[in-house]
C-alpha cells in the first residue's frame, strides 16, 4: 500500500513497484482507490476495461463508485436495506445510491474488503495498492473504529426490529456480521499489508511526517519503507545546485529520525514519468539491490 500527501509521486512509485513484481514473473494487479486515479495515465493505457491489460503479467484496476455499489450489494446491501425499509419508505436502488455516496467511510470500508479478498481467489501473486492522498486514507483507516462505535448504540435502536423485512435474518445478527467484517479488514491492514510512505525533502512534507507516523501508530500500522522523491543532484546548474543544498537538512532529518527502516531516494527527473520505459528507470532505483 502506497500512501502519503497528494502530489509527492505516490502513484508513480506504486506503478513502478507493480512493474517490478510483474517483471519478476508475478501476475500483478496495480489497484487505485483514489477518487481521481492516475495509474492508467502513468501507464499510458487506452484500454478502458477493468482490469486493464498492461503486460502479460501486469493489470490495472481503478476502483470507483460503480464498483463500491457492487461490493455493497454483494455483502450487505439487501440485509441493511431490510433494516431501514422496515421504517423508511425507499426503493432499493435509491437506498444503495444514498448509502454508498453519503455514508462517511462506507466506500473505503468495502474497497479494503475487496482488496483483502483478492489473494483468496488466487488470480494474482502480487497486489500493489495506490491510495488516495493521506487525509482520505486516514479516514479509510478510521472506518472500522467509527463503525464499531456506531454499533455499540445500534442495538438500542434496532432491538425492537426482530428481523429484516427482506431477508428475515435477525437485525442484530446482521449488525454483528457487519462489525465482524470491519474487524477482519482492520486485521488485514495491520498484519498483511506492507505500507510504503512517499514524501519529498521539503519543509512542510518533513514536518507532516511525524503526524503521519503518530496516526498510523495509533492503529498499529507499521511503515516498511520510506521513498523520498524529487531529490536534487549536485550538478553545475544553479537551480539544481541550490535545490540540492536546500534539501540536505530535510534529507538528514528523515534519515536520522527513521534510521530503523528502509529509505530510498529518487532523483528529480527533467521529464515527466509516463510509460513503461520511464517507469523502468524508477524501478531500477527503487529495487537497486534486487
Protein backbone atom coordinates (compact mmCIF):
# COMPACT_ATOMS: atom_id res chain seq x y z
CA UNK A 1 0.00 0.00 0.00
CA UNK A 2 1.41 3.37 -1.05
CA UNK A 3 0.34 6.38 0.97
CA UNK A 4 1.40 9.98 1.52
CA UNK A 5 0.31 13.52 0.88
CA UNK A 6 -1.01 14.45 -2.54
CA UNK A 7 1.47 15.38 -5.24
CA UNK A 8 4.57 13.63 -3.86
CA UNK A 9 4.80 10.95 -6.57
CA UNK A 10 2.96 8.18 -4.77
CA UNK A 11 1.21 6.84 -7.87
CA UNK A 12 4.43 6.84 -9.88
CA UNK A 13 6.17 4.79 -7.19
CA UNK A 14 3.24 2.38 -6.99
CA UNK A 15 3.22 1.95 -10.78
CA UNK A 16 6.97 1.24 -10.88
CA UNK A 17 6.68 -1.23 -7.99
CA UNK A 18 3.88 -3.12 -9.73
CA UNK A 19 6.00 -3.25 -12.86
CA UNK A 20 8.87 -4.70 -10.81
CA UNK A 21 6.81 -7.60 -9.48
CA UNK A 22 5.37 -8.26 -12.94
CA UNK A 23 8.89 -8.33 -14.41
CA UNK A 24 9.83 -10.92 -11.78
CA UNK A 25 7.12 -13.18 -13.16
CA UNK A 26 4.38 -12.48 -10.62
CA UNK A 27 0.92 -11.92 -12.05
CA UNK A 28 0.41 -8.45 -10.60
CA UNK A 29 -2.54 -6.14 -10.12
CA UNK A 30 -1.96 -2.40 -9.64
CA UNK A 31 -5.08 -1.05 -7.99
CA UNK A 32 -6.14 2.51 -7.20
CA UNK A 33 -8.72 3.64 -4.66
CA UNK A 34 -8.07 7.34 -5.32
CA UNK A 35 -11.17 9.29 -6.28
CA UNK A 36 -9.12 10.87 -9.08
CA UNK A 37 -6.94 7.93 -10.18
CA UNK A 38 -3.95 8.38 -12.49
CA UNK A 39 -2.49 4.89 -12.81
CA UNK A 40 -3.93 4.49 -16.31
CA UNK A 41 -2.42 7.84 -17.28
CA UNK A 42 1.03 6.87 -15.99
CA UNK A 43 0.92 3.54 -17.82
CA UNK A 44 -0.42 5.37 -20.92
CA UNK A 45 -3.34 2.98 -21.24
CA UNK A 46 -6.15 3.29 -23.74
CA UNK A 47 -7.77 0.07 -22.51
CA UNK A 48 -10.87 1.05 -20.50
CA UNK A 49 -11.70 -2.46 -19.30
CA UNK A 50 -11.44 -3.41 -15.63
CA UNK A 51 -8.92 -4.73 -15.02
CA UNK A 52 -6.98 -3.18 -17.90
CA UNK A 53 -4.14 -5.03 -19.63
CA UNK A 54 -0.62 -3.55 -19.37
CA UNK A 55 1.61 -6.58 -20.00
CA UNK A 56 1.08 -10.34 -19.85
CA UNK A 57 1.80 -10.17 -16.11
CA UNK A 58 0.51 -6.70 -15.19
CA UNK A 59 -3.04 -5.38 -14.94
CA UNK A 60 -4.60 -2.18 -13.62
CA UNK A 61 -7.90 -1.64 -11.83
CA UNK A 62 -9.11 1.79 -10.73
CA UNK A 63 -11.99 1.36 -8.31
CA UNK A 64 -14.83 3.88 -8.39
CA UNK A 65 -18.40 4.41 -7.30
CA UNK A 66 -19.79 1.67 -9.56
CA UNK A 67 -17.53 -0.98 -8.01
CA UNK A 68 -18.38 0.20 -4.49
CA UNK A 69 -22.10 -0.22 -5.17
CA UNK A 70 -21.47 -3.73 -6.49
CA UNK A 71 -19.47 -4.63 -3.35
CA UNK A 72 -22.18 -3.17 -1.12
CA UNK A 73 -24.88 -5.15 -2.88
CA UNK A 74 -22.90 -8.38 -2.69
CA UNK A 75 -22.00 -8.06 1.00
CA UNK A 76 -24.76 -6.30 2.91
CA UNK A 77 -26.96 -4.27 0.62
CA UNK A 78 -30.11 -6.34 0.86
CA UNK A 79 -29.60 -7.07 4.55
CA UNK A 80 -29.16 -3.46 5.63
CA UNK A 81 -31.95 -2.37 3.30
CA UNK A 82 -34.15 -4.84 5.16
CA UNK A 83 -33.43 -2.94 8.37
CA UNK A 84 -34.09 0.54 7.06
CA UNK A 85 -37.02 -0.35 4.85
CA UNK A 86 -38.83 -1.51 7.99
CA UNK A 87 -39.40 2.11 8.91
CA UNK A 88 -38.37 4.19 5.84
CA UNK A 89 -40.26 4.06 2.55
CA UNK A 90 -37.47 3.95 -0.03
CA UNK A 91 -36.77 1.75 -3.04
CA UNK A 92 -33.63 -0.38 -3.06
CA UNK A 93 -31.73 1.35 -5.94
CA UNK A 94 -32.21 4.78 -4.34
CA UNK A 95 -31.17 3.37 -0.96
CA UNK A 96 -27.93 1.93 -2.38
CA UNK A 97 -27.11 5.20 -4.16
CA UNK A 98 -27.66 7.18 -0.96
CA UNK A 99 -25.72 4.88 1.34
CA UNK A 100 -22.67 4.35 -0.87
CA UNK A 101 -22.26 8.02 -1.75
CA UNK A 102 -23.22 9.74 1.51
CA UNK A 103 -22.43 7.50 4.47
CA UNK A 104 -18.89 8.51 5.60
CA UNK A 105 -16.25 5.87 5.08
CA UNK A 106 -18.50 3.16 3.71
CA UNK A 107 -16.93 3.18 0.24
CA UNK A 108 -13.47 2.87 1.78
CA UNK A 109 -14.64 0.04 4.01
CA UNK A 110 -15.73 -2.04 1.05
CA UNK A 111 -12.67 -1.16 -1.03
CA UNK A 112 -10.48 -2.54 1.76
CA UNK A 113 -12.63 -5.63 1.85
CA UNK A 114 -12.37 -6.04 -1.92
CA UNK A 115 -8.57 -5.79 -1.81
CA UNK A 116 -8.39 -8.17 1.17
CA UNK A 117 -10.27 -10.83 -0.78
CA UNK A 118 -8.17 -10.59 -3.96
CA UNK A 119 -5.49 -13.07 -2.82
CA UNK A 120 -8.18 -15.53 -1.75
CA UNK A 121 -9.19 -16.05 -5.37
CA UNK A 122 -5.60 -16.92 -6.34
CA UNK A 123 -5.68 -14.89 -9.56
CA UNK A 124 -2.82 -12.54 -8.63
CA UNK A 125 0.51 -13.19 -6.93
CA UNK A 126 1.08 -9.53 -6.03
CA UNK A 127 -1.26 -6.61 -5.44
CA UNK A 128 0.12 -3.05 -5.36
CA UNK A 129 -2.35 -0.58 -3.88
CA UNK A 130 -2.24 3.14 -4.69
CA UNK A 131 -4.37 5.02 -2.17
CA UNK A 132 -5.93 8.45 -2.04
CA UNK A 133 -3.94 11.35 -0.52
CA UNK A 134 -3.22 10.71 3.13
CA UNK A 135 -6.11 12.69 4.63
CA UNK A 136 -8.60 10.48 2.81
CA UNK A 137 -6.58 7.35 3.54
CA UNK A 138 -6.64 8.02 7.28
CA UNK A 139 -10.40 8.37 7.05
CA UNK A 140 -10.36 4.90 5.48
CA UNK A 141 -8.35 3.58 8.41
CA UNK A 142 -10.79 5.07 10.90
CA UNK A 143 -13.81 3.45 9.26
CA UNK A 144 -13.81 0.22 11.29
CA UNK A 145 -13.39 2.12 14.57
CA UNK A 146 -16.20 4.53 13.70
CA UNK A 147 -18.42 1.67 12.65
CA UNK A 148 -17.68 -0.22 15.85
CA UNK A 149 -18.58 2.85 17.91
CA UNK A 150 -21.82 3.17 15.99
CA UNK A 151 -22.63 -0.47 16.60
CA UNK A 152 -22.40 -0.01 20.37
CA UNK A 153 -25.51 2.14 20.11
CA UNK A 154 -27.14 0.30 17.24
CA UNK A 155 -28.78 -2.49 19.30
CA UNK A 156 -30.71 0.14 21.25
CA UNK A 157 -32.08 1.50 18.01
CA UNK A 158 -32.80 -1.77 16.23
CA UNK A 159 -33.58 -4.15 19.11
CA UNK A 160 -37.33 -3.88 18.56
CA UNK A 161 -36.92 -4.80 14.89
CA UNK A 162 -36.80 -8.57 15.15
CA UNK A 163 -35.96 -9.38 11.52
CA UNK A 164 -35.10 -7.63 8.27
CA UNK A 165 -38.07 -7.15 6.01
CA UNK A 166 -36.42 -8.79 3.02
CA UNK A 167 -34.04 -11.40 4.47
CA UNK A 168 -35.84 -12.41 7.68
CA UNK A 169 -32.42 -12.57 9.37
CA UNK A 170 -32.44 -11.10 12.91
CA UNK A 171 -31.41 -7.43 12.78
CA UNK A 172 -28.77 -7.77 15.48
CA UNK A 173 -27.22 -10.71 13.60
CA UNK A 174 -26.88 -8.51 10.51
CA UNK A 175 -25.21 -5.77 12.56
CA UNK A 176 -22.84 -8.20 14.27
CA UNK A 177 -21.86 -9.62 10.89
CA UNK A 178 -21.06 -6.13 9.65
CA UNK A 179 -18.97 -5.44 12.77
CA UNK A 180 -17.06 -8.68 12.24
CA UNK A 181 -16.24 -7.60 8.67
CA UNK A 182 -14.74 -4.34 9.96
CA UNK A 183 -12.56 -6.21 12.46
CA UNK A 184 -11.34 -8.60 9.74
CA UNK A 185 -10.45 -5.69 7.46
CA UNK A 186 -8.52 -3.86 10.17
CA UNK A 187 -6.62 -7.05 10.97
CA UNK A 188 -5.78 -7.31 7.27
CA UNK A 189 -4.37 -3.77 7.29
CA UNK A 190 -2.32 -4.50 10.41
CA UNK A 191 -0.84 -7.87 9.54
CA UNK A 192 -0.93 -8.40 5.77
CA UNK A 193 -0.43 -5.01 4.10
CA UNK A 194 3.07 -3.54 3.70
CA UNK A 195 2.90 0.25 3.98
CA UNK A 196 5.23 2.41 1.88
CA UNK A 197 5.23 6.13 2.64
CA UNK A 198 6.20 8.55 -0.14
CA UNK A 199 7.41 12.06 0.70
CA UNK A 200 9.60 14.86 -0.65
CA UNK A 201 12.54 16.69 1.02
CA UNK A 202 10.76 19.95 1.73
CA UNK A 203 9.90 21.67 4.99
CA UNK A 204 6.15 21.09 5.07
CA UNK A 205 6.38 17.47 3.94
CA UNK A 206 9.00 16.63 6.58
CA UNK A 207 7.01 18.36 9.31
CA UNK A 208 3.97 16.30 8.35
CA UNK A 209 5.84 13.01 8.62
CA UNK A 210 5.70 12.97 12.42
CA UNK A 211 1.92 13.43 12.40
CA UNK A 212 1.57 10.71 9.78
CA UNK A 213 3.53 8.20 11.85
CA UNK A 214 1.64 9.09 15.03
CA UNK A 215 -1.64 8.49 13.23
CA UNK A 216 -0.51 5.18 11.79
CA UNK A 217 0.91 4.06 15.16
CA UNK A 218 -2.47 4.73 16.74
CA UNK A 219 -3.86 1.94 14.55
CA UNK A 220 -0.76 -0.25 14.97
CA UNK A 221 0.03 0.17 11.27
CA UNK A 222 3.75 -0.01 10.53
CA UNK A 223 5.58 1.61 7.62
CA UNK A 224 8.02 -0.75 5.93
CA UNK A 225 9.69 1.70 3.54
CA UNK A 226 10.04 5.44 3.00
CA UNK A 227 10.61 6.78 -0.51
CA UNK A 228 11.98 10.32 -0.73
CA UNK A 229 11.04 11.61 -4.16
CA UNK A 230 12.38 14.57 -6.17
CA UNK A 231 15.86 14.62 -4.63
CA UNK A 232 18.03 17.19 -6.43
CA UNK A 233 21.51 16.20 -7.58
CA UNK A 234 24.51 18.49 -7.11
CA UNK A 235 25.30 19.38 -10.69
CA UNK A 236 26.60 22.53 -12.40
CA UNK A 237 23.25 24.24 -12.92
CA UNK A 238 22.37 26.97 -10.46
CA UNK A 239 18.85 25.66 -9.93
CA UNK A 240 19.83 22.07 -9.13
CA UNK A 241 22.81 23.06 -7.02
CA UNK A 242 20.70 25.46 -4.94
CA UNK A 243 17.91 22.92 -4.60
CA UNK A 244 20.41 20.26 -3.57
CA UNK A 245 21.78 22.48 -0.80
CA UNK A 246 18.30 23.37 0.46
CA UNK A 247 17.27 19.73 0.67
CA UNK A 248 20.20 18.46 2.73
CA UNK A 249 18.72 19.50 6.07
CA UNK A 250 15.44 17.69 5.37
CA UNK A 251 17.11 14.59 3.96
CA UNK A 252 19.29 14.34 7.07
CA UNK A 253 16.29 14.72 9.37
CA UNK A 254 14.43 11.92 7.61
CA UNK A 255 17.41 9.57 7.66
CA UNK A 256 18.19 10.31 11.33
CA UNK A 257 14.60 10.08 12.58
CA UNK A 258 13.67 6.94 10.67
CA UNK A 259 17.00 5.15 10.58
CA UNK A 260 15.36 1.88 11.62
CA UNK A 261 13.53 1.44 8.31
CA UNK A 262 14.40 1.19 4.65
CA UNK A 263 14.75 4.58 2.95
CA UNK A 264 15.15 5.03 -0.80
CA UNK A 265 15.90 8.32 -2.55
CA UNK A 266 14.53 9.02 -6.03
CA UNK A 267 16.22 11.79 -8.01
CA UNK A 268 14.43 14.69 -9.64
CA UNK A 269 13.93 13.91 -13.32
CA UNK A 270 13.95 16.53 -16.11
CA UNK A 271 10.93 14.92 -17.73
CA UNK A 272 7.51 13.52 -16.85
CA UNK A 273 7.42 9.88 -15.80
CA UNK A 274 4.94 8.19 -18.14
CA UNK A 275 5.04 4.88 -19.96
CA UNK A 276 6.87 1.63 -19.28
CA UNK A 277 10.29 2.81 -20.39
CA UNK A 278 10.37 5.71 -17.94
CA UNK A 279 8.83 3.60 -15.19
CA UNK A 280 11.66 1.10 -15.59
CA UNK A 281 14.07 3.90 -14.63
CA UNK A 282 12.15 4.35 -11.37
CA UNK A 283 12.01 0.60 -10.83
CA UNK A 284 15.78 0.23 -11.25
CA UNK A 285 16.37 2.76 -8.44
CA UNK A 286 13.68 1.52 -6.06
CA UNK A 287 14.93 -2.06 -6.35
CA UNK A 288 18.62 -1.48 -6.99
CA UNK A 289 19.67 -4.19 -4.52
CA UNK A 290 17.34 -6.77 -6.10
